[in-house]
Protein backbone atom coordinates (compact mmCIF):
# COMPACT_ATOMS: atom_id res chain seq x y z
CA MET A 1 -39.71 25.32 0.25
CA TYR A 2 -40.28 22.80 -2.56
CA LYS A 3 -36.88 21.25 -1.93
CA MET A 4 -37.75 20.66 1.72
CA LEU A 5 -41.09 19.22 0.61
CA SER A 6 -39.28 16.77 -1.69
CA ILE A 7 -37.05 15.64 1.17
CA PHE A 8 -39.97 15.29 3.59
CA ILE A 9 -42.16 13.26 1.22
CA GLY A 10 -39.20 11.22 -0.06
CA VAL A 11 -38.30 10.17 3.48
CA ARG A 12 -41.95 9.36 4.21
CA PHE A 13 -42.13 7.21 1.07
CA SER A 14 -39.03 5.30 2.13
CA ARG A 15 -40.44 4.70 5.63
CA ALA A 16 -43.98 3.90 4.56
CA ARG A 17 -45.27 0.36 4.94
CA LYS A 18 -45.29 -1.29 1.53
CA ARG A 19 -48.47 -2.86 0.30
CA THR A 20 -46.41 -5.38 -1.63
CA GLY A 21 -44.05 -7.75 0.09
CA LEU A 22 -41.97 -8.00 -3.08
CA LEU A 23 -41.27 -4.27 -3.09
CA SER A 24 -40.16 -4.37 0.57
CA PHE A 25 -37.95 -7.39 -0.14
CA VAL A 26 -36.25 -5.78 -3.17
CA SER A 27 -35.69 -2.55 -1.19
CA THR A 28 -34.00 -4.50 1.63
CA ILE A 29 -31.85 -6.43 -0.86
CA SER A 30 -30.72 -3.20 -2.53
CA MET A 31 -29.68 -1.72 0.83
CA LEU A 32 -27.83 -4.93 1.78
CA GLY A 33 -26.07 -4.94 -1.60
CA VAL A 34 -24.69 -1.46 -1.05
CA LEU A 35 -23.80 -2.36 2.58
CA LEU A 36 -21.88 -5.51 1.60
CA GLY A 37 -20.13 -3.77 -1.29
CA VAL A 38 -18.87 -0.88 0.83
CA MET A 39 -17.89 -3.17 3.73
CA ILE A 40 -15.94 -5.65 1.57
CA LEU A 41 -14.23 -2.85 -0.35
CA ILE A 42 -13.02 -1.16 2.84
CA ILE A 43 -11.75 -4.47 4.27
CA ALA A 44 -9.98 -5.41 1.02
CA LEU A 45 -8.29 -2.00 0.73
CA SER A 46 -7.21 -2.15 4.38
CA VAL A 47 -5.66 -5.58 3.91
CA MET A 48 -3.86 -4.42 0.76
CA ASN A 49 -2.62 -1.28 2.53
CA GLY A 50 -1.22 -3.45 5.32
CA SER A 51 0.47 -5.76 2.81
CA ILE A 52 1.95 -2.84 0.84
CA SER A 53 3.23 -1.29 4.09
CA PHE A 54 4.86 -4.60 5.07
CA LEU A 55 6.47 -5.02 1.65
CA ARG A 56 7.68 -1.41 1.68
CA ASN A 57 9.35 -1.93 5.07
CA GLU A 58 10.96 -5.12 3.78
CA ALA A 59 12.24 -3.37 0.66
CA LEU A 60 13.66 -0.45 2.68
CA LYS A 61 15.86 -2.87 4.65
CA SER A 62 18.07 -3.14 1.56
CA VAL A 63 17.08 -0.13 -0.58
CA PRO A 64 18.24 3.36 0.55
CA HIS A 65 15.64 6.09 1.06
CA LEU A 66 17.66 8.29 -1.29
CA THR A 67 20.83 7.50 -3.27
CA ALA A 68 23.26 10.05 -4.76
CA THR A 69 25.81 9.27 -7.47
CA SER A 70 28.52 11.43 -9.04
CA PRO A 71 31.75 10.84 -11.02
CA THR A 72 33.71 12.60 -8.25
CA MET A 73 31.86 10.98 -5.34
CA SER A 74 34.76 8.66 -4.37
CA ALA A 75 37.06 11.57 -3.58
CA GLU A 76 34.58 14.24 -2.45
CA TRP A 77 31.85 12.33 -0.62
CA PRO A 78 32.58 14.03 2.77
CA ARG A 79 31.88 17.45 1.19
CA TYR A 80 28.69 16.20 -0.41
CA ALA A 81 27.56 14.55 2.83
CA GLU A 82 28.07 17.78 4.76
CA ALA A 83 26.03 19.71 2.18
CA PHE A 84 23.19 17.15 2.22
CA LEU A 85 22.98 17.10 6.02
CA GLY A 86 22.02 20.78 5.82
CA ASN A 87 18.54 19.61 4.76
CA ALA A 88 16.27 19.24 7.79
CA SER A 89 14.66 16.05 6.43
CA VAL A 90 17.99 14.19 6.08
CA LEU A 91 18.79 12.28 9.26
CA ALA A 92 22.05 10.58 8.27
CA ILE A 93 24.40 10.06 5.32
CA ALA A 94 26.75 7.15 4.63
CA PRO A 95 28.94 6.17 1.64
CA TYR A 96 29.00 2.69 0.16
CA VAL A 97 30.22 0.74 -2.85
CA GLN A 98 28.43 -2.17 -4.47
CA PHE A 99 29.51 -4.81 -6.99
CA GLU A 100 29.02 -8.44 -7.94
CA ALA A 101 31.40 -11.10 -6.63
CA LEU A 102 31.89 -14.83 -6.17
CA LEU A 103 31.86 -16.34 -2.67
CA SER A 104 33.57 -19.68 -2.04
CA ILE A 105 33.55 -21.84 1.08
CA GLU A 106 34.52 -25.51 1.41
CA GLY A 107 34.05 -26.19 -2.31
CA SER A 108 30.68 -24.41 -2.54
CA THR A 109 30.31 -21.20 -4.55
CA GLU A 110 27.63 -18.54 -4.79
CA PHE A 111 27.28 -15.32 -6.76
CA ILE A 112 26.84 -12.50 -4.26
CA GLN A 113 26.40 -8.75 -4.08
CA VAL A 114 29.18 -7.13 -2.08
CA ARG A 115 28.31 -3.91 -0.29
CA GLY A 116 31.28 -2.01 1.14
CA ILE A 117 30.22 0.29 3.97
CA GLU A 118 31.57 2.57 6.69
CA PRO A 119 30.17 0.70 9.73
CA ALA A 120 30.29 3.75 12.04
CA LEU A 121 28.15 5.78 9.61
CA GLU A 122 26.03 2.84 8.43
CA GLN A 123 24.34 2.54 11.82
CA GLY A 124 22.52 5.82 11.14
CA VAL A 125 21.10 4.79 7.76
CA ALA A 126 20.76 0.99 8.01
CA GLY A 127 17.33 -0.43 7.37
CA HIS A 128 18.25 -3.53 9.40
CA THR A 129 18.04 -1.89 12.84
CA GLY A 130 18.05 -3.37 16.32
CA ASP A 131 20.53 -4.15 19.07
CA ARG A 132 21.82 -7.25 17.31
CA ALA A 133 22.39 -5.33 14.06
CA ARG A 134 24.22 -2.54 15.88
CA GLU A 135 26.46 -5.08 17.65
CA ALA A 136 27.23 -6.75 14.31
CA LEU A 137 28.13 -3.41 12.67
CA SER A 138 30.35 -2.53 15.62
CA ALA A 139 32.13 -5.88 15.29
CA LEU A 140 32.58 -5.25 11.56
CA ASP A 141 34.13 -1.86 12.30
CA GLU A 142 36.59 -3.34 14.77
CA THR A 143 37.54 -6.56 12.95
CA PRO A 144 39.83 -6.57 9.89
CA ASN A 145 38.67 -8.84 7.05
CA GLY A 146 35.31 -9.42 8.68
CA VAL A 147 32.00 -9.89 6.82
CA LEU A 148 28.30 -9.88 7.63
CA LEU A 149 26.10 -12.18 5.56
CA ASP A 150 22.47 -12.00 4.56
CA SER A 151 20.71 -14.44 6.89
CA ARG A 152 19.13 -16.31 3.96
CA LEU A 153 22.50 -16.66 2.22
CA ALA A 154 24.07 -18.05 5.40
CA SER A 155 21.19 -20.50 5.88
CA ARG A 156 21.32 -21.62 2.25
CA MET A 157 25.07 -22.35 2.36
CA GLY A 158 25.24 -23.56 5.96
CA ILE A 159 27.64 -20.78 7.02
CA ARG A 160 28.08 -20.02 10.72
CA PRO A 161 29.84 -17.22 12.63
CA GLY A 162 33.56 -17.89 12.79
CA ASP A 163 33.72 -19.68 9.43
CA GLU A 164 36.24 -18.47 6.87
CA LEU A 165 35.39 -17.88 3.23
CA THR A 166 36.93 -16.27 0.15
CA ILE A 167 35.50 -13.54 -2.06
CA ALA A 168 36.64 -12.58 -5.57
CA ALA A 169 35.25 -9.61 -7.49
CA LEU A 170 33.32 -10.78 -10.55
CA ASP A 171 34.75 -7.95 -12.66
CA ARG A 172 38.30 -9.18 -12.04
CA LEU A 173 37.29 -12.77 -12.76
CA LEU A 174 35.79 -11.75 -16.09
CA ARG A 175 38.96 -9.82 -16.95
CA ARG A 176 40.99 -12.91 -15.92
CA SER A 177 42.91 -10.93 -13.34
CA LYS A 178 45.68 -12.81 -11.56
CA SER A 179 44.78 -11.34 -8.17
CA ALA A 180 43.92 -14.07 -5.69
CA PRO A 181 40.55 -14.16 -3.87
CA GLN A 182 40.67 -12.57 -0.44
CA ALA A 183 39.89 -14.47 2.75
CA PHE A 184 37.32 -13.17 5.25
CA LYS A 185 35.91 -14.25 8.59
CA VAL A 186 32.15 -14.43 9.15
CA LEU A 187 31.13 -12.21 12.07
CA GLY A 188 27.37 -12.61 11.95
CA TYR A 189 24.18 -12.12 9.96
CA ALA A 190 21.94 -9.25 8.87
CA ASP A 191 18.33 -9.08 7.71
CA PHE A 192 18.01 -7.36 4.33
CA GLY A 193 14.30 -8.01 3.93
CA ALA A 194 12.28 -10.11 1.53
CA TYR A 195 13.46 -8.06 -1.45
CA GLY A 196 17.15 -7.86 -0.57
CA GLY A 197 17.95 -10.62 -3.05
CA GLY A 198 19.16 -13.03 -0.35
CA ASN A 199 22.80 -12.68 -1.45
CA ILE A 200 24.13 -9.46 0.13
CA VAL A 201 27.47 -9.48 1.96
CA LEU A 202 28.69 -6.48 3.99
CA LEU A 203 32.39 -5.54 4.12
CA ASN A 204 34.34 -2.51 5.21
CA ARG A 205 34.44 -0.07 2.29
CA GLY A 206 38.23 0.03 2.18
CA GLU A 207 38.45 -3.76 1.95
CA ALA A 208 35.72 -3.81 -0.70
CA LEU A 209 37.72 -1.31 -2.81
CA MET A 210 40.74 -3.61 -2.52
CA LEU A 211 38.61 -6.35 -4.11
CA ASP A 212 37.36 -4.10 -6.91
CA GLY A 213 39.15 -0.80 -7.31
CA ASN A 214 36.76 0.29 -10.09
CA ALA A 215 33.68 0.19 -7.85
CA GLN A 216 31.90 3.54 -7.70
CA THR A 217 31.20 5.17 -4.34
CA LEU A 218 27.59 6.21 -3.71
CA LEU A 219 25.92 8.12 -0.90
CA ARG A 220 22.80 6.82 0.80
CA ALA A 221 20.57 9.08 2.88
CA SER A 222 18.15 8.22 5.65
CA LEU A 223 15.08 10.50 5.79
CA ASP A 224 12.72 11.33 8.64
CA ASP A 225 9.78 10.50 6.36
CA VAL A 226 10.25 8.02 3.52
CA PHE A 227 7.31 9.54 1.65
CA SER A 228 9.15 12.87 1.43
CA ALA A 229 11.89 11.40 -0.79
CA GLU A 230 10.71 13.18 -3.95
CA ARG A 231 10.49 16.53 -2.15
CA VAL A 232 13.94 16.10 -0.57
CA LYS A 233 15.35 15.16 -3.97
CA ARG A 234 14.07 18.43 -5.47
CA GLU A 235 15.35 20.45 -2.50
CA LEU A 236 18.83 18.90 -2.72
CA ASP A 237 18.93 19.54 -6.46
CA ALA A 238 18.10 23.19 -5.83
CA SER A 239 20.64 23.56 -3.00
CA ASN A 240 23.36 21.90 -5.09
CA GLN A 241 22.95 24.59 -7.74
CA VAL A 242 23.32 27.27 -5.08
CA LEU A 243 26.45 25.59 -3.62
CA GLY A 244 27.95 25.06 -7.05
CA ILE A 245 27.84 21.25 -6.80
CA ALA A 246 27.14 19.77 -10.24
CA GLY A 247 26.88 16.33 -11.81
CA ILE A 248 25.00 14.62 -8.96
CA GLU A 249 22.10 12.31 -9.76
CA PHE A 250 19.55 11.18 -7.17
CA GLU A 251 17.40 8.06 -7.04
CA THR A 252 14.54 7.62 -4.55
CA TRP A 253 13.42 4.31 -3.12
CA ARG A 254 10.28 4.47 -5.28
CA GLU A 255 12.39 4.78 -8.43
CA ALA A 256 14.69 1.95 -7.31
CA GLN A 257 11.71 -0.36 -6.75
CA ALA A 258 9.40 1.14 -9.40
CA SER A 259 8.35 -2.24 -10.84
CA LEU A 260 7.36 -3.65 -7.43
CA PHE A 261 5.37 -0.68 -6.16
CA GLY A 262 3.90 0.04 -9.59
CA ALA A 263 2.54 -3.52 -9.73
CA LEU A 264 1.15 -3.25 -6.19
CA ALA A 265 -0.56 0.06 -6.97
CA MET A 266 -2.12 -1.39 -10.14
CA GLU A 267 -3.29 -4.49 -8.25
CA LYS A 268 -4.88 -2.31 -5.58
CA PHE A 269 -6.65 -0.17 -8.17
CA LEU A 270 -8.01 -3.15 -10.13
CA THR A 271 -9.12 -4.92 -6.94
CA GLY A 272 -11.00 -1.81 -5.78
CA LEU A 273 -12.57 -1.41 -9.23
CA MET A 274 -13.79 -5.02 -9.29
CA LEU A 275 -15.19 -4.87 -5.76
CA LEU A 276 -16.97 -1.63 -6.63
CA THR A 277 -19.19 -3.70 -8.92
CA ILE A 278 -20.81 -5.16 -5.79
CA VAL A 279 -22.00 -1.65 -4.93
CA ALA A 280 -23.21 -1.29 -8.52
CA VAL A 281 -25.28 -4.49 -8.15
CA GLY A 282 -26.94 -2.98 -5.07
CA ALA A 283 -27.58 0.18 -7.08
CA VAL A 284 -29.30 -1.87 -9.81
CA ASN A 285 -31.65 -3.18 -7.14
CA ILE A 286 -32.37 0.44 -6.15
CA VAL A 287 -33.47 1.02 -9.75
CA SER A 288 -35.82 -1.98 -9.54
CA THR A 289 -37.21 -0.80 -6.21
CA LEU A 290 -37.93 2.71 -7.45
CA VAL A 291 -39.48 1.54 -10.74
CA MET A 292 -41.90 -0.60 -8.72
CA ALA A 293 -42.50 2.28 -6.30
CA VAL A 294 -43.31 4.65 -9.17
CA ALA A 295 -45.85 2.16 -10.54
CA GLU A 296 -47.40 1.72 -7.07
CA LYS A 297 -47.53 5.39 -6.14
CA GLY A 298 -48.85 6.67 -9.44
CA PRO A 299 -52.08 8.06 -7.87
CA ASP A 300 -50.11 9.77 -5.08
CA ILE A 301 -47.84 11.39 -7.67
CA ALA A 302 -50.87 12.54 -9.67
CA ILE A 303 -52.45 14.13 -6.58
CA LEU A 304 -49.20 15.94 -5.76
CA ARG A 305 -49.07 17.26 -9.34
CA THR A 306 -52.66 18.53 -9.15
CA MET A 307 -51.79 20.28 -5.87
CA GLY A 308 -49.04 22.25 -7.64
CA ALA A 309 -45.95 20.07 -7.31
CA SER A 310 -43.61 20.51 -10.27
CA ARG A 311 -41.93 17.75 -12.25
CA GLY A 312 -38.66 18.68 -10.53
CA THR A 313 -40.26 18.25 -7.10
CA VAL A 314 -41.52 14.77 -8.01
CA MET A 315 -38.13 13.84 -9.43
CA ARG A 316 -36.32 15.00 -6.30
CA LEU A 317 -38.61 13.12 -3.90
CA PHE A 318 -37.90 9.80 -5.64
CA MET A 319 -34.19 10.59 -5.68
CA VAL A 320 -34.46 11.13 -1.91
CA GLN A 321 -36.35 7.85 -1.49
CA GLY A 322 -33.66 5.90 -3.35
CA GLY A 323 -30.87 7.90 -1.73
CA VAL A 324 -32.08 6.86 1.73
CA SER A 325 -31.36 3.20 0.92
CA GLY A 326 -27.94 4.15 -0.43
CA LEU A 327 -27.17 6.33 2.59
CA ILE A 328 -28.18 3.67 5.12
CA GLY A 329 -26.31 0.93 3.24
CA THR A 330 -23.17 3.06 2.81
CA THR A 331 -23.13 4.23 6.44
CA LEU A 332 -23.63 0.75 7.93
CA GLY A 333 -21.18 -0.76 5.43
CA ALA A 334 -18.50 1.79 6.34
CA LEU A 335 -18.97 1.23 10.08
CA LEU A 336 -18.85 -2.56 9.77
CA GLY A 337 -15.95 -2.43 7.29
CA VAL A 338 -13.78 -0.26 9.55
CA LEU A 339 -14.68 -2.34 12.62
CA LEU A 340 -13.80 -5.62 10.89
CA ALA A 341 -10.62 -4.16 9.35
CA PHE A 342 -9.31 -3.15 12.78
CA ASN A 343 -10.10 -6.59 14.25
CA LEU A 344 -9.44 -8.86 11.26
CA ALA A 345 -6.39 -10.54 12.79
CA LYS A 346 -8.23 -11.27 16.06
CA LEU A 347 -11.28 -12.62 14.23
CA SER A 348 -9.06 -14.81 12.07
CA LEU A 349 -7.30 -16.17 15.16
CA LEU A 350 -10.66 -17.06 16.73
CA LEU A 351 -11.71 -18.72 13.46
CA GLU A 352 -8.46 -20.72 13.40
CA GLN A 353 -9.03 -21.93 16.96
CA ALA A 354 -12.65 -22.86 16.25
CA PHE A 355 -11.77 -24.68 13.04
CA GLY A 356 -8.86 -26.45 14.72
CA TRP A 357 -11.13 -27.57 17.56
CA LEU A 358 -13.74 -28.90 15.12
CA THR A 359 -11.25 -30.75 12.92
CA GLY A 360 -8.82 -31.78 15.64
CA ASN A 361 -5.96 -30.13 13.73
CA SER A 362 -4.28 -27.29 15.62
CA ASN A 363 -1.98 -26.36 12.71
CA VAL A 364 -4.67 -24.52 10.74
CA VAL A 365 -3.49 -21.03 9.72
CA PHE A 366 -5.67 -18.49 7.89
CA VAL A 367 -4.72 -14.80 7.70
CA SER A 368 -3.89 -13.94 11.31
CA HIS A 369 -0.39 -12.91 10.19
CA LEU A 370 -1.73 -10.21 7.88
CA GLN A 371 -1.55 -6.57 8.81
CA THR A 372 -4.40 -4.17 8.10
CA GLN A 373 -4.07 -0.44 7.70
CA VAL A 374 -7.15 1.76 7.48
CA VAL A 375 -6.60 4.91 5.42
CA TRP A 376 -9.39 7.32 6.27
CA SER A 377 -9.16 9.17 2.97
CA GLU A 378 -9.85 5.87 1.17
CA VAL A 379 -12.79 5.14 3.49
CA ALA A 380 -14.21 8.57 2.62
CA LEU A 381 -13.65 7.89 -1.09
CA VAL A 382 -15.43 4.53 -0.88
CA CYS A 383 -18.37 6.13 0.94
CA PHE A 384 -18.53 8.90 -1.66
CA ALA A 385 -18.48 6.32 -4.48
CA GLY A 386 -21.25 4.31 -2.80
CA LEU A 387 -23.47 7.37 -2.36
CA LEU A 388 -22.76 8.61 -5.89
CA ILE A 389 -23.64 5.25 -7.49
CA SER A 390 -26.80 5.07 -5.38
CA LEU A 391 -27.89 8.57 -6.44
CA LEU A 392 -27.14 7.89 -10.10
CA ALA A 393 -29.31 4.78 -9.87
CA THR A 394 -32.29 6.95 -8.86
CA LEU A 395 -32.18 9.21 -11.93
CA TYR A 396 -34.08 7.01 -14.39
CA PRO A 397 -36.95 5.98 -12.04
CA ALA A 398 -37.22 9.59 -10.81
CA TYR A 399 -37.39 10.81 -14.40
CA ARG A 400 -40.14 8.25 -15.12
CA ALA A 401 -42.08 9.52 -12.12
CA SER A 402 -41.78 13.14 -13.25
CA LYS A 403 -43.32 12.25 -16.63
CA ILE A 404 -46.56 10.89 -15.12
CA GLU A 405 -49.60 12.84 -16.34
CA PRO A 406 -52.21 13.41 -13.56
CA ALA A 407 -55.21 13.28 -15.91
CA GLU A 408 -54.33 9.85 -17.25
CA VAL A 409 -53.73 8.36 -13.80
CA LEU A 410 -56.78 9.88 -12.08
CA ARG A 411 -59.19 9.14 -14.93
CA TYR A 412 -60.02 5.70 -13.56
CA GLU A 413 -59.63 6.47 -9.83
């Protein structure tokens, strides 16, 4: 009963017409502070989620979802591949070798990363998908001494399809081996993403092993869900023990790119923490509003106390009054934040056009190329944080109100 009374009176206090314009102004500012804080935080997290998703897709063009290594992998990889394909989450398996080498063409040289693949199997696990990529892999499978170059490497060195180049394994060069560099024909290009290093060259695995016979064969797996890599790793470890397969080590894409995604996660956390201070500023204004409200409504509080209201009832009604501002600000901020996050690219494009029209320069580019990704669990967390900060801000003024003595206030009324 008393709890419902606190809610009823608290809502009435928040809706009542203020006798002081200053109190009404500070109350509006506090609500707007919470609104802007929640809205900006949701937009910023959505932009960062979109950027992280883009960078993850770029990284997965060159980094396998899951990599397996073993001392006996070169000879027994078909048996391992068959065992791994028994896992429902594994879509495809392909072997590859990888080593450093030196590429030479028309007097120009470049240190490269050779990746020897089985083109027929690579099509199932390749991160660089598409009709053009499939055609290039098919050509690599059918053409002896053919190579596919990273598109950035080809652009940097001015290499075109049909050109001939030579490749020498760096390990043999360091050991001063007398074996001559091998000649290859450029068949086309491949996109290995922004984090592929810009120096990857694809060869047939057999030809790559002829360049460097000490290169270790690895298995790369393509998964139906990249976020299940850790789970699949544990499942494969367990199944290997059952099948009697020992000595295999796995590396997920997160482990391979731990520095990149660790830095992005830390940046996202710190950005969210800093933007949360905007909500805290709005909460400070809620404190100011309630302190002024307590001073203004002292006689009303005294009358409620003489009618039997407890200190807890008085404290709760002021928490409700301050919570209303936090609730309205958080709700409107969440709605506006989600709406703007979904339409940020369109709004930016309109802003570009308007700015270009005003300045006469049509080459103005803002952030229309950015992707946004709204994660509903993060929206819920931001709303919870906004409401929690708003409620915490009401504790001190509500405590002050509960300590008011009726006799002292009503003595001069």
